[in-house]
C-alpha atoms as a PDB file:
ATOM      1  CA  MET A   1      51.471  12.473  24.314  1.00  0.00           C
ATOM      2  CA  PRO A   2      51.473  11.342  21.212  1.00  0.00           C
ATOM      3  CA  VAL A   3      49.232  12.573  18.529  1.00  0.00           C
ATOM      4  CA  GLY A   4      47.022   9.913  17.408  1.00  0.00           C
ATOM      5  CA  VAL A   5      46.740   8.995  21.372  1.00  0.00           C
ATOM      6  CA  ALA A   6      45.944  13.006  21.918  1.00  0.00           C
ATOM      7  CA  ASP A   7      43.287  12.626  18.830  1.00  0.00           C
ATOM      8  CA  THR A   8      42.037   9.209  20.261  1.00  0.00           C
ATOM      9  CA  VAL A   9      41.257  10.717  23.833  1.00  0.00           C
ATOM     10  CA  LYS A  10      39.748  14.070  22.439  1.00  0.00           C
ATOM     11  CA  ALA A  11      37.575  11.976  20.343  1.00  0.00           C
ATOM     12  CA  ILE A  12      36.406   9.791  23.479  1.00  0.00           C
ATOM     13  CA  PHE A  13      35.979  13.028  25.717  1.00  0.00           C
ATOM     14  CA  GLU A  14      33.874  14.733  22.803  1.00  0.00           C
ATOM     15  CA  ALA A  15      31.348  11.535  22.688  1.00  0.00           C
ATOM     16  CA  ILE A  16      31.041  11.350  26.197  1.00  0.00           C
ATOM     17  CA  THR A  17      30.067  14.963  26.596  1.00  0.00           C
ATOM     18  CA  ARG A  18      27.545  14.546  24.008  1.00  0.00           C
ATOM     19  CA  VAL A  19      25.639  11.375  25.931  1.00  0.00           C
ATOM     20  CA  PRO A  20      23.332  13.325  27.734  1.00  0.00           C
ATOM     21  CA  ASP A  21      22.349  15.371  25.372  1.00  0.00           C
ATOM     22  CA  SER A  22      21.729  12.043  23.551  1.00  0.00           C
ATOM     23  CA  ILE A  23      19.426  10.971  26.817  1.00  0.00           C
ATOM     24  CA  GLU A  24      17.587  13.620  27.110  1.00  0.00           C
ATOM     25  CA  ALA A  25      16.626  13.901  23.142  1.00  0.00           C
ATOM     26  CA  TYR A  26      15.543  10.386  23.502  1.00  0.00           C
ATOM     27  CA  SER A  27      13.725  10.709  26.674  1.00  0.00           C
ATOM     28  CA  LYS A  28      11.940  13.824  24.648  1.00  0.00           C
ATOM     29  CA  VAL A  29      11.128  10.764  22.149  1.00  0.00           C
ATOM     30  CA  ARG A  30       9.911   8.494  24.451  1.00  0.00           C
ATOM     31  CA  VAL A  31       7.544  10.695  26.156  1.00  0.00           C
ATOM     32  CA  ARG A  32       5.961  12.052  22.892  1.00  0.00           C
ATOM     33  CA  ARG A  33       5.421   8.404  22.471  1.00  0.00           C
ATOM     34  CA  VAL A  34       3.379   7.614  25.918  1.00  0.00           C
ATOM     35  CA  ARG A  35       1.685  10.712  25.106  1.00  0.00           C
ATOM     36  CA  LYS A  36       0.195  10.011  21.630  1.00  0.00           C
ATOM     37  CA  ARG A  37      -0.330   6.400  22.963  1.00  0.00           C
ATOM     38  CA  ARG A  38      -2.510   7.736  25.333  1.00  0.00           C
ATOM     39  CA  LEU A  39      -4.583  10.016  23.412  1.00  0.00           C
ATOM     40  CA  ARG A  40      -5.122   7.266  21.168  1.00  0.00           C
ATOM     41  CA  ARG A  41      -6.690   5.413  23.600  1.00  0.00           C
ATOM     42  CA  ALA A  42      -8.825   7.749  24.632  1.00  0.00           C
ATOM     43  CA  LEU A  43     -10.119   8.450  21.314  1.00  0.00           C
ATOM     44  CA  GLU A  44     -10.605   4.563  20.560  1.00  0.00           C
ATOM     45  CA  SER A  45     -12.549   4.511  23.313  1.00  0.00           C
ATOM     46  CA  GLU A  46     -15.778   2.204  22.747  1.00  0.00           C
ATOM     47  CA  GLU A  47     -17.408   4.461  25.280  1.00  0.00           C
ATOM     48  CA  TYR A  48     -17.365   7.302  23.278  1.00  0.00           C
ATOM     49  CA  ARG A  49     -16.576   8.853  20.119  1.00  0.00           C
ATOM     50  CA  TRP A  50     -15.426  12.310  20.606  1.00  0.00           C
ATOM     51  CA  ARG A  51     -13.172  13.906  23.459  1.00  0.00           C
ATOM     52  CA  SER A  52     -12.860  17.229  24.520  1.00  0.00           C
ATOM     53  CA  LEU A  53      -9.655  18.972  24.341  1.00  0.00           C
ATOM     54  CA  SER A  54      -9.641  20.164  27.724  1.00  0.00           C
ATOM     55  CA  THR A  55      -9.699  16.307  28.775  1.00  0.00           C
ATOM     56  CA  LEU A  56      -7.175  15.237  26.481  1.00  0.00           C
ATOM     57  CA  ALA A  57      -4.665  17.598  27.427  1.00  0.00           C
ATOM     58  CA  ARG A  58      -5.345  16.958  31.082  1.00  0.00           C
ATOM     59  CA  LEU A  59      -4.997  13.045  30.389  1.00  0.00           C
ATOM     60  CA  ILE A  60      -1.404  13.861  29.101  1.00  0.00           C
ATOM     61  CA  GLY A  61      -0.449  17.020  31.425  1.00  0.00           C
ATOM     62  CA  ARG A  62       0.107  19.257  28.599  1.00  0.00           C
ATOM     63  CA  THR A  63      -1.469  22.296  26.994  1.00  0.00           C
ATOM     64  CA  GLU A  64      -4.405  22.844  24.710  1.00  0.00           C
ATOM     65  CA  GLU A  65      -1.982  24.269  22.167  1.00  0.00           C
ATOM     66  CA  GLU A  66       0.432  21.324  22.385  1.00  0.00           C
ATOM     67  CA  THR A  67      -2.290  18.700  22.681  1.00  0.00           C
ATOM     68  CA  ARG A  68      -3.926  19.668  19.327  1.00  0.00           C
ATOM     69  CA  GLU A  69      -0.437  19.180  17.656  1.00  0.00           C
ATOM     70  CA  LEU A  70      -0.267  15.362  19.078  1.00  0.00           C
ATOM     71  CA  LEU A  71      -3.995  15.079  17.937  1.00  0.00           C
ATOM     72  CA  LEU A  72      -2.957  15.977  14.029  1.00  0.00           C
ATOM     73  CA  GLU A  73      -0.287  13.869  14.236  1.00  0.00           C
ATOM     74  CA  LEU A  74      -2.659  11.445  15.225  1.00  0.00           C
ATOM     75  CA  ASP A  75      -5.034  12.011  12.530  1.00  0.00           C
ATOM     76  CA  ALA A  76      -7.590  13.394  14.631  1.00  0.00           C
ATOM     77  CA  ARG A  77      -9.877  16.120  14.024  1.00  0.00           C
ATOM     78  CA  PRO A  78     -11.979  18.969  15.564  1.00  0.00           C
ATOM     79  CA  SER A  79     -15.536  19.960  16.099  1.00  0.00           C
ATOM     80  CA  LEU A  80     -17.150  22.011  17.777  1.00  0.00           C
ATOM     81  CA  LYS A  81     -20.420  20.681  20.421  1.00  0.00           C
ATOM     82  CA  PRO A  82     -23.218  22.112  19.013  1.00  0.00           C
ATOM     83  CA  GLY A  83     -24.740  25.015  21.590  1.00  0.00           C
ATOM     84  CA  SER A  84     -21.338  25.410  23.662  1.00  0.00           C
ATOM     85  CA  ASN A  85     -18.375  26.201  21.661  1.00  0.00           C
ATOM     86  CA  GLU A  86     -16.725  23.396  23.371  1.00  0.00           C
ATOM     87  CA  GLU A  87     -13.746  21.821  21.162  1.00  0.00           C
ATOM     88  CA  LEU A  88     -13.942  18.093  20.490  1.00  0.00           C
ATOM     89  CA  TRP A  89     -11.881  16.039  19.303  1.00  0.00           C
ATOM     90  CA  GLY A  90     -12.189  12.512  17.049  1.00  0.00           C
ATOM     91  CA  LEU A  91     -10.015  10.301  14.900  1.00  0.00           C
ATOM     92  CA  VAL A  92     -11.034  10.518  11.496  1.00  0.00           C
ATOM     93  CA  SER A  93     -11.449   6.736  11.301  1.00  0.00           C
ATOM     94  CA  ARG A  94     -14.149   6.839  14.061  1.00  0.00           C
ATOM     95  CA  VAL A  95     -15.591   9.947  12.934  1.00  0.00           C
ATOM     96  CA  GLY A  96     -15.127  10.405   9.510  1.00  0.00           C
ATOM     97  CA  GLU A  97     -13.335  13.955   7.604  1.00  0.00           C
ATOM     98  CA  GLY A  98     -16.392  16.177   8.621  1.00  0.00           C
END
């Protein structure tokens, strides 16, 4: 096989082998966006200004720690429910900066 053709075939093969990684990375980004959108909807609900961390974590199917990270990206802040130490979260735009 001539050198130019061999290089082209090699480049095509390398690109094809990277496609699954690209698809997986895109999928992770898309899922993260969906989770953040669900959190935002829950926090923008007219029914509640504050939501418990445990409820939000269940809503998106993630751990409380992973949920906290997403909430911070949404500009939400935590507070403690008076008398119970339950961790509540609300959007700064709705509950203020505390």
